C-alpha atoms as a PDB file:
ATOM      1  CA  MET A   1     -27.335  44.798 -34.720  1.00  0.00           C
ATOM      2  CA  LYS A   2     -29.608  44.667 -31.677  1.00  0.00           C
ATOM      3  CA  ILE A   3     -29.225  41.919 -29.099  1.00  0.00           C
ATOM      4  CA  MET A   4     -30.680  41.397 -25.640  1.00  0.00           C
ATOM      5  CA  TRP A   5     -28.972  41.084 -22.297  1.00  0.00           C
ATOM      6  CA  PRO A   6     -28.892  37.374 -21.348  1.00  0.00           C
ATOM      7  CA  CYS A   7     -30.437  38.125 -17.944  1.00  0.00           C
ATOM      8  CA  ASP A   8     -32.161  40.915 -16.006  1.00  0.00           C
ATOM      9  CA  ARG A   9     -29.823  43.918 -16.399  1.00  0.00           C
ATOM     10  CA  ASN A  10     -31.389  45.523 -13.326  1.00  0.00           C
ATOM     11  CA  ASN A  11     -30.452  42.498 -11.226  1.00  0.00           C
ATOM     12  CA  VAL A  12     -26.754  42.154 -12.154  1.00  0.00           C
ATOM     13  CA  TRP A  13     -23.655  44.309 -12.287  1.00  0.00           C
ATOM     14  CA  ILE A  14     -20.624  44.161 -14.569  1.00  0.00           C
ATOM     15  CA  THR A  15     -17.725  42.873 -12.475  1.00  0.00           C
ATOM     16  CA  ASP A  16     -15.250  42.414 -15.349  1.00  0.00           C
ATOM     17  CA  ASP A  17     -15.653  43.871 -18.794  1.00  0.00           C
ATOM     18  CA  TRP A  18     -14.132  42.515 -22.002  1.00  0.00           C
ATOM     19  CA  SER A  19     -10.887  44.509 -21.840  1.00  0.00           C
ATOM     20  CA  GLU A  20     -10.289  43.524 -18.204  1.00  0.00           C
ATOM     21  CA  HIS A  21     -10.393  39.850 -19.196  1.00  0.00           C
ATOM     22  CA  LEU A  22      -7.534  40.424 -21.652  1.00  0.00           C
ATOM     23  CA  GLN A  23      -5.342  41.672 -18.791  1.00  0.00           C
ATOM     24  CA  ARG A  24      -5.700  38.446 -16.800  1.00  0.00           C
ATOM     25  CA  PRO A  25      -2.938  35.796 -16.953  1.00  0.00           C
ATOM     26  CA  GLY A  26      -3.913  32.946 -19.258  1.00  0.00           C
ATOM     27  CA  TYR A  27      -6.685  34.873 -21.027  1.00  0.00           C
ATOM     28  CA  ASN A  28      -6.708  35.813 -24.700  1.00  0.00           C
ATOM     29  CA  ARG A  29      -9.259  37.116 -27.176  1.00  0.00           C
ATOM     30  CA  ALA A  30     -10.905  33.706 -27.519  1.00  0.00           C
ATOM     31  CA  TYR A  31     -11.835  33.629 -23.827  1.00  0.00           C
ATOM     32  CA  ALA A  32     -12.616  37.293 -23.230  1.00  0.00           C
ATOM     33  CA  GLY A  33     -16.139  38.159 -22.195  1.00  0.00           C
ATOM     34  CA  THR A  34     -18.321  40.370 -20.037  1.00  0.00           C
ATOM     35  CA  ASP A  35     -18.988  39.091 -16.518  1.00  0.00           C
ATOM     36  CA  LEU A  36     -22.506  39.850 -15.264  1.00  0.00           C
ATOM     37  CA  ALA A  37     -22.731  38.987 -11.558  1.00  0.00           C
ATOM     38  CA  GLY A  38     -25.818  38.716  -9.393  1.00  0.00           C
ATOM     39  CA  PRO A  39     -28.184  36.255  -7.743  1.00  0.00           C
ATOM     40  CA  GLU A  40     -29.234  33.026  -9.461  1.00  0.00           C
ATOM     41  CA  GLN A  41     -31.624  33.894 -12.294  1.00  0.00           C
ATOM     42  CA  PRO A  42     -32.746  32.632 -15.714  1.00  0.00           C
ATOM     43  CA  LEU A  43     -30.495  33.003 -18.755  1.00  0.00           C
ATOM     44  CA  ASN A  44     -32.189  33.619 -22.115  1.00  0.00           C
ATOM     45  CA  PRO A  45     -31.150  33.767 -25.795  1.00  0.00           C
ATOM     46  CA  SER A  46     -30.136  37.174 -27.178  1.00  0.00           C
ATOM     47  CA  GLN A  47     -31.873  36.951 -30.555  1.00  0.00           C
ATOM     48  CA  TYR A  48     -34.687  35.201 -32.386  1.00  0.00           C
ATOM     49  CA  ASN A  49     -34.399  31.776 -33.993  1.00  0.00           C
ATOM     50  CA  GLY A  50     -31.045  30.732 -32.607  1.00  0.00           C
ATOM     51  CA  LYS A  51     -29.615  27.241 -32.876  1.00  0.00           C
ATOM     52  CA  VAL A  52     -27.812  25.757 -29.888  1.00  0.00           C
ATOM     53  CA  LEU A  53     -24.313  24.758 -31.024  1.00  0.00           C
ATOM     54  CA  GLN A  54     -23.205  23.615 -27.574  1.00  0.00           C
ATOM     55  CA  ALA A  55     -25.034  22.711 -24.376  1.00  0.00           C
ATOM     56  CA  MET A  56     -22.420  20.902 -22.351  1.00  0.00           C
ATOM     57  CA  TRP A  57     -20.002  20.688 -19.455  1.00  0.00           C
ATOM     58  CA  SER A  58     -16.771  22.384 -20.473  1.00  0.00           C
ATOM     59  CA  ASN A  59     -13.369  21.132 -19.355  1.00  0.00           C
ATOM     60  CA  VAL A  60     -11.680  24.487 -20.013  1.00  0.00           C
ATOM     61  CA  GLY A  61     -13.245  26.293 -17.057  1.00  0.00           C
ATOM     62  CA  TYR A  62     -16.650  27.333 -18.434  1.00  0.00           C
ATOM     63  CA  GLY A  63     -18.574  24.795 -16.344  1.00  0.00           C
ATOM     64  CA  TYR A  64     -22.030  24.240 -17.792  1.00  0.00           C
ATOM     65  CA  THR A  65     -22.112  26.390 -20.913  1.00  0.00           C
ATOM     66  CA  THR A  66     -24.409  27.155 -23.849  1.00  0.00           C
ATOM     67  CA  PHE A  67     -23.293  28.532 -27.217  1.00  0.00           C
ATOM     68  CA  VAL A  68     -26.065  29.755 -29.543  1.00  0.00           C
ATOM     69  CA  GLU A  69     -25.750  30.716 -33.227  1.00  0.00           C
ATOM     70  CA  HIS A  70     -28.030  33.147 -35.115  1.00  0.00           C
ATOM     71  CA  TYR A  71     -28.560  33.735 -38.849  1.00  0.00           C
ATOM     72  CA  ASP A  72     -29.324  36.596 -41.235  1.00  0.00           C
ATOM     73  CA  PRO A  73     -32.155  36.436 -43.855  1.00  0.00           C
ATOM     74  CA  SER A  74     -29.875  34.612 -46.318  1.00  0.00           C
ATOM     75  CA  GLY A  75     -29.221  31.852 -43.803  1.00  0.00           C
ATOM     76  CA  LYS A  76     -25.671  32.982 -43.101  1.00  0.00           C
ATOM     77  CA  ALA A  77     -24.478  32.689 -39.505  1.00  0.00           C
ATOM     78  CA  VAL A  78     -23.611  36.195 -38.244  1.00  0.00           C
ATOM     79  CA  LEU A  79     -23.876  36.054 -34.429  1.00  0.00           C
ATOM     80  CA  ARG A  80     -22.861  33.644 -31.691  1.00  0.00           C
ATOM     81  CA  ILE A  81     -23.522  34.020 -27.969  1.00  0.00           C
ATOM     82  CA  ARG A  82     -21.964  32.064 -25.104  1.00  0.00           C
ATOM     83  CA  ASN A  83     -23.126  31.922 -21.483  1.00  0.00           C
ATOM     84  CA  ALA A  84     -20.780  30.102 -19.103  1.00  0.00           C
ATOM     85  CA  HIS A  85     -20.804  28.925 -15.465  1.00  0.00           C
ATOM     86  CA  GLN A  86     -24.477  27.905 -15.620  1.00  0.00           C
ATOM     87  CA  LYS A  87     -26.043  25.871 -12.830  1.00  0.00           C
ATOM     88  CA  ASN A  88     -27.723  23.564 -15.322  1.00  0.00           C
ATOM     89  CA  LEU A  89     -28.677  23.080 -18.960  1.00  0.00           C
ATOM     90  CA  ALA A  90     -32.301  23.644 -19.990  1.00  0.00           C
ATOM     91  CA  VAL A  91     -31.577  23.065 -23.697  1.00  0.00           C
ATOM     92  CA  SER A  92     -29.769  20.470 -25.777  1.00  0.00           C
ATOM     93  CA  THR A  93     -27.350  20.815 -28.665  1.00  0.00           C
ATOM     94  CA  GLY A  94     -29.373  21.351 -31.849  1.00  0.00           C
ATOM     95  CA  ASP A  95     -32.365  23.033 -30.176  1.00  0.00           C
ATOM     96  CA  ILE A  96     -33.957  26.076 -31.838  1.00  0.00           C
ATOM     97  CA  VAL A  97     -34.479  28.847 -29.281  1.00  0.00           C
ATOM     98  CA  GLN A  98     -36.040  32.299 -29.002  1.00  0.00           C
ATOM     99  CA  PRO A  99     -35.554  35.153 -26.476  1.00  0.00           C
ATOM    100  CA  GLY A 100     -38.203  33.942 -24.022  1.00  0.00           C
ATOM    101  CA  ASP A 101     -36.768  30.434 -23.824  1.00  0.00           C
ATOM    102  CA  LEU A 102     -34.665  29.207 -20.913  1.00  0.00           C
ATOM    103  CA  LEU A 103     -31.007  28.287 -21.497  1.00  0.00           C
ATOM    104  CA  GLY A 104     -30.297  27.527 -17.852  1.00  0.00           C
ATOM    105  CA  THR A 105     -29.709  29.293 -14.560  1.00  0.00           C
ATOM    106  CA  MET A 106     -26.880  31.648 -13.650  1.00  0.00           C
ATOM    107  CA  ASP A 107     -24.494  30.069 -11.164  1.00  0.00           C
ATOM    108  CA  SER A 108     -20.792  29.478 -10.482  1.00  0.00           C
ATOM    109  CA  THR A 109     -19.800  26.141 -12.053  1.00  0.00           C
ATOM    110  CA  GLY A 110     -16.364  25.614 -13.573  1.00  0.00           C
ATOM    111  CA  ASN A 111     -13.554  28.103 -12.955  1.00  0.00           C
ATOM    112  CA  SER A 112     -15.614  30.691 -11.089  1.00  0.00           C
ATOM    113  CA  THR A 113     -15.522  32.435  -7.733  1.00  0.00           C
ATOM    114  CA  GLY A 114     -19.112  33.657  -7.572  1.00  0.00           C
ATOM    115  CA  THR A 115     -22.539  33.532  -9.196  1.00  0.00           C
ATOM    116  CA  HIS A 116     -22.349  35.191 -12.612  1.00  0.00           C
ATOM    117  CA  THR A 117     -22.536  34.576 -16.343  1.00  0.00           C
ATOM    118  CA  HIS A 118     -19.448  34.900 -18.496  1.00  0.00           C
ATOM    119  CA  TRP A 119     -21.129  36.398 -21.582  1.00  0.00           C
ATOM    120  CA  GLU A 120     -19.368  36.231 -24.953  1.00  0.00           C
ATOM    121  CA  VAL A 121     -20.546  37.886 -28.189  1.00  0.00           C
ATOM    122  CA  TRP A 122     -19.036  36.620 -31.452  1.00  0.00           C
ATOM    123  CA  LEU A 123     -19.463  38.297 -34.878  1.00  0.00           C
ATOM    124  CA  VAL A 124     -18.209  37.456 -38.369  1.00  0.00           C
ATOM    125  CA  ILE A 125     -15.670  40.160 -39.236  1.00  0.00           C
ATOM    126  CA  ASN A 126     -13.737  39.979 -42.513  1.00  0.00           C
ATOM    127  CA  GLY A 127     -14.924  36.424 -42.987  1.00  0.00           C
ATOM    128  CA  GLN A 128     -13.706  35.215 -39.589  1.00  0.00           C
ATOM    129  CA  TRP A 129     -15.450  34.650 -36.271  1.00  0.00           C
ATOM    130  CA  GLN A 130     -14.219  37.154 -33.698  1.00  0.00           C
ATOM    131  CA  ASN A 131     -15.007  37.456 -30.025  1.00  0.00           C
ATOM    132  CA  ILE A 132     -15.852  41.147 -29.601  1.00  0.00           C
ATOM    133  CA  ASP A 133     -16.569  43.631 -26.838  1.00  0.00           C
ATOM    134  CA  PRO A 134     -20.355  44.210 -27.072  1.00  0.00           C
ATOM    135  CA  LEU A 135     -19.981  47.480 -25.138  1.00  0.00           C
ATOM    136  CA  ASP A 136     -17.541  48.938 -27.703  1.00  0.00           C
ATOM    137  CA  PRO A 137     -19.625  51.034 -30.152  1.00  0.00           C
ATOM    138  CA  LYS A 138     -17.226  50.405 -33.043  1.00  0.00           C
ATOM    139  CA  PHE A 139     -18.692  46.901 -33.485  1.00  0.00           C
ATOM    140  CA  GLY A 140     -22.212  48.237 -34.041  1.00  0.00           C
ATOM    141  CA  VAL A 141     -23.928  46.194 -31.342  1.00  0.00           C
ATOM    142  CA  THR A 142     -26.838  47.742 -29.451  1.00  0.00           C
ATOM    143  CA  ILE A 143     -27.903  45.918 -26.288  1.00  0.00           C
ATOM    144  CA  VAL A 144     -31.583  46.287 -25.433  1.00  0.00           C
ATOM    145  CA  GLY A 145     -33.560  45.190 -22.408  1.00  0.00           C
ATOM    146  CA  ASP A 146     -36.981  45.107 -24.024  1.00  0.00           C
ATOM    147  CA  GLU A 147     -37.857  42.154 -26.256  1.00  0.00           C
ATOM    148  CA  ALA A 148     -40.251  44.360 -28.227  1.00  0.00           C
ATOM    149  CA  ALA A 149     -37.269  46.455 -29.341  1.00  0.00           C
ATOM    150  CA  LEU A 150     -35.404  43.447 -30.690  1.00  0.00           C
ATOM    151  CA  GLU A 151     -35.180  43.065 -34.461  1.00  0.00           C
ATOM    152  CA  PRO A 152     -35.142  39.424 -35.624  1.00  0.00           C
ATOM    153  CA  LEU A 153     -32.041  38.666 -37.690  1.00  0.00           C
ATOM    154  CA  ASP A 154     -34.118  36.703 -40.192  1.00  0.00           C
ATOM    155  CA  GLY A 155     -36.269  39.769 -40.972  1.00  0.00           C
ATOM    156  CA  SER A 156     -39.501  38.139 -39.805  1.00  0.00           C
ATOM    157  CA  GLU A 157     -42.029  39.360 -37.297  1.00  0.00           C
ATOM    158  CA  PRO A 158     -41.667  38.189 -33.669  1.00  0.00           C
ATOM    159  CA  PRO A 159     -43.180  34.694 -33.366  1.00  0.00           C
ATOM    160  CA  GLU A 160     -46.638  34.223 -31.917  1.00  0.00           C
ATOM    161  CA  VAL A 161     -47.055  32.345 -28.658  1.00  0.00           C
ATOM    162  CA  PRO A 162     -47.667  28.702 -29.660  1.00  0.00           C
ATOM    163  CA  VAL A 163     -50.881  26.904 -28.744  1.00  0.00           C
ATOM    164  CA  PHE A 164     -50.276  24.181 -26.164  1.00  0.00           C
ATOM    165  CA  GLU A 165     -50.646  20.746 -27.769  1.00  0.00           C
ATOM    166  CA  VAL A 166     -51.466  17.786 -25.532  1.00  0.00           C
ATOM    167  CA  PRO A 167     -49.299  14.749 -26.382  1.00  0.00           C
ATOM    168  CA  GLU A 168     -51.098  11.470 -26.990  1.00  0.00           C
ATOM    169  CA  VAL A 169     -50.012   9.435 -23.987  1.00  0.00           C
ATOM    170  CA  GLU A 170     -51.772   7.227 -21.499  1.00  0.00           C
ATOM    171  CA  PHE A 171     -52.310   9.167 -18.271  1.00  0.00           C
ATOM    172  CA  VAL A 172     -50.536   7.525 -15.342  1.00  0.00           C
ATOM    173  CA  GLN A 173     -50.702   9.768 -12.302  1.00  0.00           C
ATOM    174  CA  CYS A 174     -47.619  10.055 -10.131  1.00  0.00           C
ATOM    175  CA  LYS A 175     -46.927  13.422  -8.508  1.00  0.00           C
ATOM    176  CA  ASN A 176     -43.376  14.756  -8.684  1.00  0.00           C
ATOM    177  CA  ILE A 177     -41.431  17.813  -7.590  1.00  0.00           C
ATOM    178  CA  ILE A 178     -39.284  19.484 -10.264  1.00  0.00           C
ATOM    179  CA  ARG A 179     -35.866  20.365  -8.837  1.00  0.00           C
ATOM    180  CA  TYR A 180     -34.368  22.453 -11.668  1.00  0.00           C
ATOM    181  CA  PRO A 181     -35.739  24.851 -14.300  1.00  0.00           C
ATOM    182  CA  ILE A 182     -36.460  22.922 -17.484  1.00  0.00           C
ATOM    183  CA  ASN A 183     -38.037  23.592 -20.858  1.00  0.00           C
ATOM    184  CA  LEU A 184     -41.297  21.802 -21.589  1.00  0.00           C
ATOM    185  CA  ARG A 185     -41.754  20.708 -25.224  1.00  0.00           C
ATOM    186  CA  SER A 186     -44.769  19.898 -27.365  1.00  0.00           C
ATOM    187  CA  ALA A 187     -43.275  16.502 -28.293  1.00  0.00           C
ATOM    188  CA  PRO A 188     -40.020  14.579 -27.823  1.00  0.00           C
ATOM    189  CA  PHE A 189     -37.234  16.695 -29.296  1.00  0.00           C
ATOM    190  CA  VAL A 190     -36.546  14.587 -32.384  1.00  0.00           C
ATOM    191  CA  SER A 191     -40.222  14.648 -33.392  1.00  0.00           C
ATOM    192  CA  ALA A 192     -41.135  16.815 -36.366  1.00  0.00           C
ATOM    193  CA  GLY A 193     -42.489  20.180 -35.277  1.00  0.00           C
ATOM    194  CA  ALA A 194     -41.510  19.818 -31.617  1.00  0.00           C
ATOM    195  CA  ARG A 195     -41.146  23.211 -29.967  1.00  0.00           C
ATOM    196  CA  ILE A 196     -40.520  24.700 -26.549  1.00  0.00           C
ATOM    197  CA  LEU A 197     -43.768  25.556 -24.777  1.00  0.00           C
ATOM    198  CA  GLY A 198     -42.293  27.352 -21.785  1.00  0.00           C
ATOM    199  CA  SER A 199     -40.225  26.768 -18.670  1.00  0.00           C
ATOM    200  CA  VAL A 200     -41.079  24.760 -15.559  1.00  0.00           C
ATOM    201  CA  THR A 201     -40.432  26.443 -12.222  1.00  0.00           C
ATOM    202  CA  PRO A 202     -38.257  24.588  -9.679  1.00  0.00           C
ATOM    203  CA  GLY A 203     -40.287  23.399  -6.714  1.00  0.00           C
ATOM    204  CA  SER A 204     -43.516  23.041  -8.689  1.00  0.00           C
ATOM    205  CA  VAL A 205     -45.480  19.782  -8.666  1.00  0.00           C
ATOM    206  CA  TRP A 206     -46.216  17.940 -11.928  1.00  0.00           C
ATOM    207  CA  ASP A 207     -47.905  14.595 -12.663  1.00  0.00           C
ATOM    208  CA  TYR A 208     -45.974  11.937 -14.541  1.00  0.00           C
ATOM    209  CA  CYS A 209     -48.094  10.825 -17.520  1.00  0.00           C
ATOM    210  CA  GLY A 210     -45.967   8.213 -19.234  1.00  0.00           C
ATOM    211  CA  HIS A 211     -42.789   8.201 -21.302  1.00  0.00           C
ATOM    212  CA  LYS A 212     -41.418   7.530 -24.778  1.00  0.00           C
ATOM    213  CA  VAL A 213     -37.997   6.645 -26.148  1.00  0.00           C
ATOM    214  CA  ASP A 214     -36.959   8.561 -29.283  1.00  0.00           C
ATOM    215  CA  VAL A 215     -35.026   7.181 -32.262  1.00  0.00           C
ATOM    216  CA  LEU A 216     -31.732   8.208 -30.620  1.00  0.00           C
ATOM    217  CA  GLY A 217     -32.491   6.214 -27.478  1.00  0.00           C
ATOM    218  CA  ASN A 218     -33.305   9.226 -25.295  1.00  0.00           C
ATOM    219  CA  THR A 219     -36.118   8.818 -22.760  1.00  0.00           C
ATOM    220  CA  TRP A 220     -38.715  11.607 -22.528  1.00  0.00           C
ATOM    221  CA  PHE A 221     -41.253  12.125 -19.720  1.00  0.00           C
ATOM    222  CA  ALA A 222     -44.732  13.475 -20.352  1.00  0.00           C
ATOM    223  CA  LEU A 223     -45.690  15.841 -17.517  1.00  0.00           C
ATOM    224  CA  ARG A 224     -49.037  17.411 -16.605  1.00  0.00           C
ATOM    225  CA  SER A 225     -49.981  20.329 -14.360  1.00  0.00           C
ATOM    226  CA  GLY A 226     -53.643  21.263 -14.561  1.00  0.00           C
ATOM    227  CA  ASP A 227     -54.475  21.730 -18.239  1.00  0.00           C
ATOM    228  CA  LYS A 228     -50.816  21.975 -19.248  1.00  0.00           C
ATOM    229  CA  LEU A 229     -49.007  18.931 -20.547  1.00  0.00           C
ATOM    230  CA  GLY A 230     -45.725  18.482 -22.401  1.00  0.00           C
ATOM    231  CA  TRP A 231     -42.417  16.614 -22.590  1.00  0.00           C
ATOM    232  CA  ALA A 232     -39.082  16.876 -20.765  1.00  0.00           C
ATOM    233  CA  ALA A 233     -35.841  14.981 -21.358  1.00  0.00           C
ATOM    234  CA  ALA A 234     -35.047  12.329 -18.759  1.00  0.00           C
ATOM    235  CA  HIS A 235     -31.286  12.871 -19.202  1.00  0.00           C
ATOM    236  CA  TYR A 236     -31.592  16.523 -18.154  1.00  0.00           C
ATOM    237  CA  ASN A 237     -28.292  17.712 -16.685  1.00  0.00           C
ATOM    238  CA  GLY A 238     -27.397  14.173 -15.650  1.00  0.00           C
ATOM    239  CA  ALA A 239     -29.157  14.829 -12.334  1.00  0.00           C
ATOM    240  CA  ASP A 240     -32.310  13.832 -10.469  1.00  0.00           C
ATOM    241  CA  TRP A 241     -34.348  16.761 -11.728  1.00  0.00           C
ATOM    242  CA  ILE A 242     -37.665  15.059 -10.968  1.00  0.00           C
ATOM    243  CA  VAL A 243     -38.380  13.599  -7.534  1.00  0.00           C
ATOM    244  CA  PRO A 244     -41.511  11.460  -6.879  1.00  0.00           C
ATOM    245  CA  ILE A 245     -43.727  12.439  -3.946  1.00  0.00           C
ATOM    246  CA  GLU A 246     -44.563   9.462  -1.774  1.00  0.00           C
ATOM    247  CA  GLU A 247     -48.252   9.415  -0.886  1.00  0.00           C
END
């Protein structure tokens, strides 16, 4: 099975591998992982067509964490990936993600002493989920750094880049600075066919174009920058991720 590094392998170093975690007091197989330390940088899914099982603040030391599940052609779940100690959450539980999507930013939240991602790889072995050492060849995992070398678990071809769809909203101009990396969507998340269009860079300026409330009561902002326009969740990370510019 081929998976991708969750971040730029040339911009991080392994500070603790899987076996070293097992030697720490209070650690067991369920919490073992590979620590990839480096400067703040984007974290991405490790396979195609993953479903986010968790995007949350963890009370067991993970800080902001994402846990993504992937499926084989029969629809059976065969791979799970966790990234812990994130600075923020760019996805929500239930989202469908692909390698180019943004999960969040590497940081040091939770029980952490420096900027890194605690990276866990889980496989189904003998009918049970097991947290495994991805660097141990006996588990048959090959880690690649090139998305073109990644084989989708569902057997399909890599997805095409989606065409940007402009939401039907009344344009109300109000310039804002985006504080955190976020995923821009083609429609509010609960809408049929909504998909991630790409990430928004922190510090960039976007126009507010209106908002909608979905059937779950979540508020979504429509944002525009030039000819690009899409939706972002107002509850993102529970923080002020969008700051109006007073003119």
